[in-house]
Amino acid sequence: MKRPLRAEGTLERRDGTLEKRVVKPRRERVAIDAKQAVIERNDVRRRVSLARAPELAALYAGFTALMAGDTAALERHFEPSIARKGASFTLTLLPRDAKLRARATLEVSGFGDTVRCVAVVEPDGDASVMAIGAASVGLDPPPARDALARHCRGGA
C-alpha cells in the first residue's frame, strides 16, 4: 500500500467473544472466542480453530485481558513495559510466545487515564492502528505514522 487505509467500525467484547466489525470501506466481521475465529468478508465465511492458530489465541487472550483490566492474565501472555511523557503513555505488550513475537507486538497508547489507540505492530514497522472513541475523529485523510502516533498519545 502506498498510503494508510482508513476503516471504520467497532470493537467490542461480550459473552466471551471479541468482535471487530468494519463498515467502511468494505464490510467485514471477525469474531474470536476461546476456541475459534470466524471471519466474514465479501459474503464468504471462514472458521479457524485457535488450536491451529496459537498466535491468534495469544492475541485473543491479550485483547480480552486488556479490555477486562486483568493484569495477571495479560502478564501470562505478554511482557508489558510502559513509556510515559507527561500525561501521555504507550504500553508495549511484547508476546511471550516466540512465534507471535516474530509476527507482532501490541501497543496501547493514550493520554491521562484514556486509551486512545491500540496497534498491532509488525516487526518491519507496519501497523494496524485502531483509534478509539474521540481519538478517531479528525483522521481523514489518515495521517502519516509519526503524526498518528502523536495523535494517539494526545498530541504529545
Protein backbone atom coordinates (compact mmCIF):
# COMPACT_ATOMS: atom_id res chain seq x y z
CA MET A 1 0.00 0.00 0.00
CA LYS A 2 1.20 3.47 -0.80
CA ARG A 3 -0.83 5.25 1.88
CA PRO A 4 -2.73 4.35 5.03
CA LEU A 5 -6.23 2.95 4.64
CA ARG A 6 -8.93 4.31 6.90
CA ALA A 7 -11.54 1.82 8.01
CA GLU A 8 -14.47 2.49 10.34
CA GLY A 9 -16.20 0.10 12.67
CA THR A 10 -16.45 -1.21 16.20
CA LEU A 11 -14.54 -3.45 18.56
CA GLU A 12 -16.34 -4.98 21.50
CA ARG A 13 -16.14 -7.83 23.95
CA ARG A 14 -19.23 -9.61 25.21
CA ASP A 15 -20.10 -13.09 26.37
CA GLY A 16 -16.52 -14.30 25.90
CA THR A 17 -16.32 -13.13 22.29
CA LEU A 18 -14.12 -10.36 20.92
CA GLU A 19 -15.74 -8.92 17.80
CA LYS A 20 -14.44 -6.43 15.25
CA ARG A 21 -16.94 -5.09 12.71
CA VAL A 22 -15.74 -2.92 9.85
CA VAL A 23 -18.41 -0.93 8.00
CA LYS A 24 -16.21 1.24 5.73
CA PRO A 25 -14.62 0.99 3.19
CA ARG A 26 -15.96 -2.57 2.96
CA ARG A 27 -17.94 -4.76 5.33
CA GLU A 28 -16.00 -7.25 7.39
CA ARG A 29 -16.60 -9.11 10.64
CA VAL A 30 -14.09 -11.01 12.77
CA ALA A 31 -15.37 -12.74 15.92
CA ILE A 32 -12.97 -14.63 18.17
CA ASP A 33 -13.80 -16.72 21.20
CA ALA A 34 -11.67 -19.15 23.23
CA LYS A 35 -11.98 -21.88 20.57
CA GLN A 36 -12.27 -20.32 17.12
CA ALA A 37 -12.23 -17.26 14.92
CA VAL A 38 -15.00 -16.58 12.41
CA ILE A 39 -14.05 -14.27 9.57
CA GLU A 40 -16.71 -12.86 7.23
CA ARG A 41 -15.58 -10.85 4.24
CA ASN A 42 -17.16 -10.40 0.79
CA ASP A 43 -20.04 -12.72 1.74
CA VAL A 44 -17.58 -15.53 2.49
CA ARG A 45 -17.47 -17.03 5.98
CA ARG A 46 -14.38 -18.86 7.19
CA ARG A 47 -13.73 -20.58 10.53
CA VAL A 48 -10.27 -21.01 12.02
CA SER A 49 -9.63 -23.16 15.08
CA LEU A 50 -7.45 -21.40 17.64
CA ALA A 51 -5.76 -24.76 18.25
CA ARG A 52 -4.35 -24.40 14.72
CA ALA A 53 -3.51 -20.71 15.18
CA PRO A 54 -1.75 -20.25 18.54
CA GLU A 55 -0.72 -16.71 17.60
CA LEU A 56 -4.37 -15.76 17.19
CA ALA A 57 -5.16 -17.41 20.53
CA ALA A 58 -2.49 -15.29 22.24
CA LEU A 59 -3.81 -12.10 20.63
CA TYR A 60 -7.32 -13.01 21.78
CA ALA A 61 -6.03 -13.61 25.32
CA GLY A 62 -4.14 -10.32 25.28
CA PHE A 63 -7.02 -8.21 24.00
CA THR A 64 -9.56 -9.76 26.36
CA ALA A 65 -7.22 -9.39 29.36
CA LEU A 66 -6.53 -5.79 28.38
CA MET A 67 -10.21 -4.94 27.96
CA ALA A 68 -11.08 -6.65 31.27
CA GLY A 69 -8.22 -4.97 33.13
CA ASP A 70 -6.87 -8.43 34.10
CA THR A 71 -3.18 -7.76 34.77
CA ALA A 72 -2.36 -11.36 35.77
CA ALA A 73 -3.80 -12.77 32.53
CA LEU A 74 -2.06 -10.08 30.50
CA GLU A 75 1.31 -10.86 32.08
CA ARG A 76 0.86 -14.61 31.39
CA HIS A 77 0.93 -13.89 27.66
CA PHE A 78 2.93 -10.64 27.36
CA GLU A 79 5.90 -8.79 28.83
CA PRO A 80 4.47 -5.31 29.47
CA SER A 81 6.52 -2.12 29.51
CA ILE A 82 5.28 1.44 29.72
CA ALA A 83 6.76 4.69 28.44
CA ARG A 84 5.45 7.99 29.74
CA LYS A 85 5.91 11.58 28.64
CA GLY A 86 3.90 13.90 30.85
CA ALA A 87 0.33 12.62 30.79
CA SER A 88 0.92 10.63 27.56
CA PHE A 89 1.69 6.93 27.68
CA THR A 90 2.44 3.94 25.49
CA LEU A 91 2.05 0.45 26.92
CA THR A 92 4.01 -2.04 24.83
CA LEU A 93 3.00 -5.69 25.12
CA LEU A 94 5.75 -8.00 23.88
CA PRO A 95 4.36 -11.51 23.35
CA ARG A 96 5.96 -14.25 25.45
CA ASP A 97 5.20 -16.76 22.67
CA ALA A 98 8.17 -16.73 20.26
CA LYS A 99 6.03 -17.35 17.16
CA LEU A 100 3.75 -14.44 17.97
CA ARG A 101 6.69 -12.20 18.94
CA ALA A 102 8.14 -12.81 15.48
CA ARG A 103 4.86 -11.61 13.95
CA ALA A 104 3.51 -8.75 16.09
CA THR A 105 3.60 -6.64 19.23
CA LEU A 106 0.66 -4.79 20.77
CA GLU A 107 0.89 -1.09 21.65
CA VAL A 108 -1.74 0.70 23.68
CA SER A 109 -1.40 4.47 23.79
CA GLY A 110 -3.28 7.33 25.29
CA PHE A 111 -3.38 10.41 27.44
CA GLY A 112 -4.19 10.65 31.13
CA ASP A 113 -6.43 7.74 32.02
CA THR A 114 -7.87 7.37 28.50
CA VAL A 115 -6.80 4.76 25.96
CA ARG A 116 -6.87 6.46 22.57
CA CYS A 117 -5.37 3.82 20.26
CA VAL A 118 -4.49 0.14 20.11
CA ALA A 119 -1.98 -1.00 17.50
CA VAL A 120 -0.79 -4.36 16.26
CA VAL A 121 2.77 -3.64 15.12
CA GLU A 122 4.68 -5.98 12.82
CA PRO A 123 8.48 -6.37 13.10
CA ASP A 124 9.02 -4.35 9.89
CA GLY A 125 7.16 -1.40 11.42
CA ASP A 126 3.89 -1.84 9.55
CA ALA A 127 0.95 -1.44 11.90
CA SER A 128 -2.79 -1.73 12.14
CA VAL A 129 -3.89 1.10 14.42
CA MET A 130 -7.36 1.34 15.96
CA ALA A 131 -8.21 4.84 17.13
CA ILE A 132 -10.85 4.60 19.83
CA GLY A 133 -13.75 6.94 20.59
CA ALA A 134 -12.90 10.63 20.35
CA ALA A 135 -9.41 9.76 19.07
CA SER A 136 -10.99 8.52 15.83
CA VAL A 137 -12.31 11.99 14.99
CA GLY A 138 -10.27 14.17 12.63
CA LEU A 139 -8.28 11.41 10.97
CA ASP A 140 -9.48 11.87 7.42
CA PRO A 141 -7.29 11.54 5.47
CA PRO A 142 -5.26 9.22 7.70
CA PRO A 143 -2.07 10.92 8.91
CA ALA A 144 1.44 9.54 8.45
CA ARG A 145 2.63 7.04 11.10
CA ASP A 146 4.56 9.58 13.23
CA ALA A 147 1.66 12.04 13.27
CA LEU A 148 -0.77 9.23 14.09
CA ALA A 149 1.45 8.10 16.99
CA ARG A 150 1.42 11.67 18.39
CA HIS A 151 -2.34 11.86 17.93
CA CYS A 152 -2.77 8.58 19.82
CA ARG A 153 -0.78 9.99 22.73
CA GLY A 154 -2.99 13.07 22.89
CA GLY A 155 -0.75 15.27 20.75
CA ALA A 156 2.43 14.77 22.80
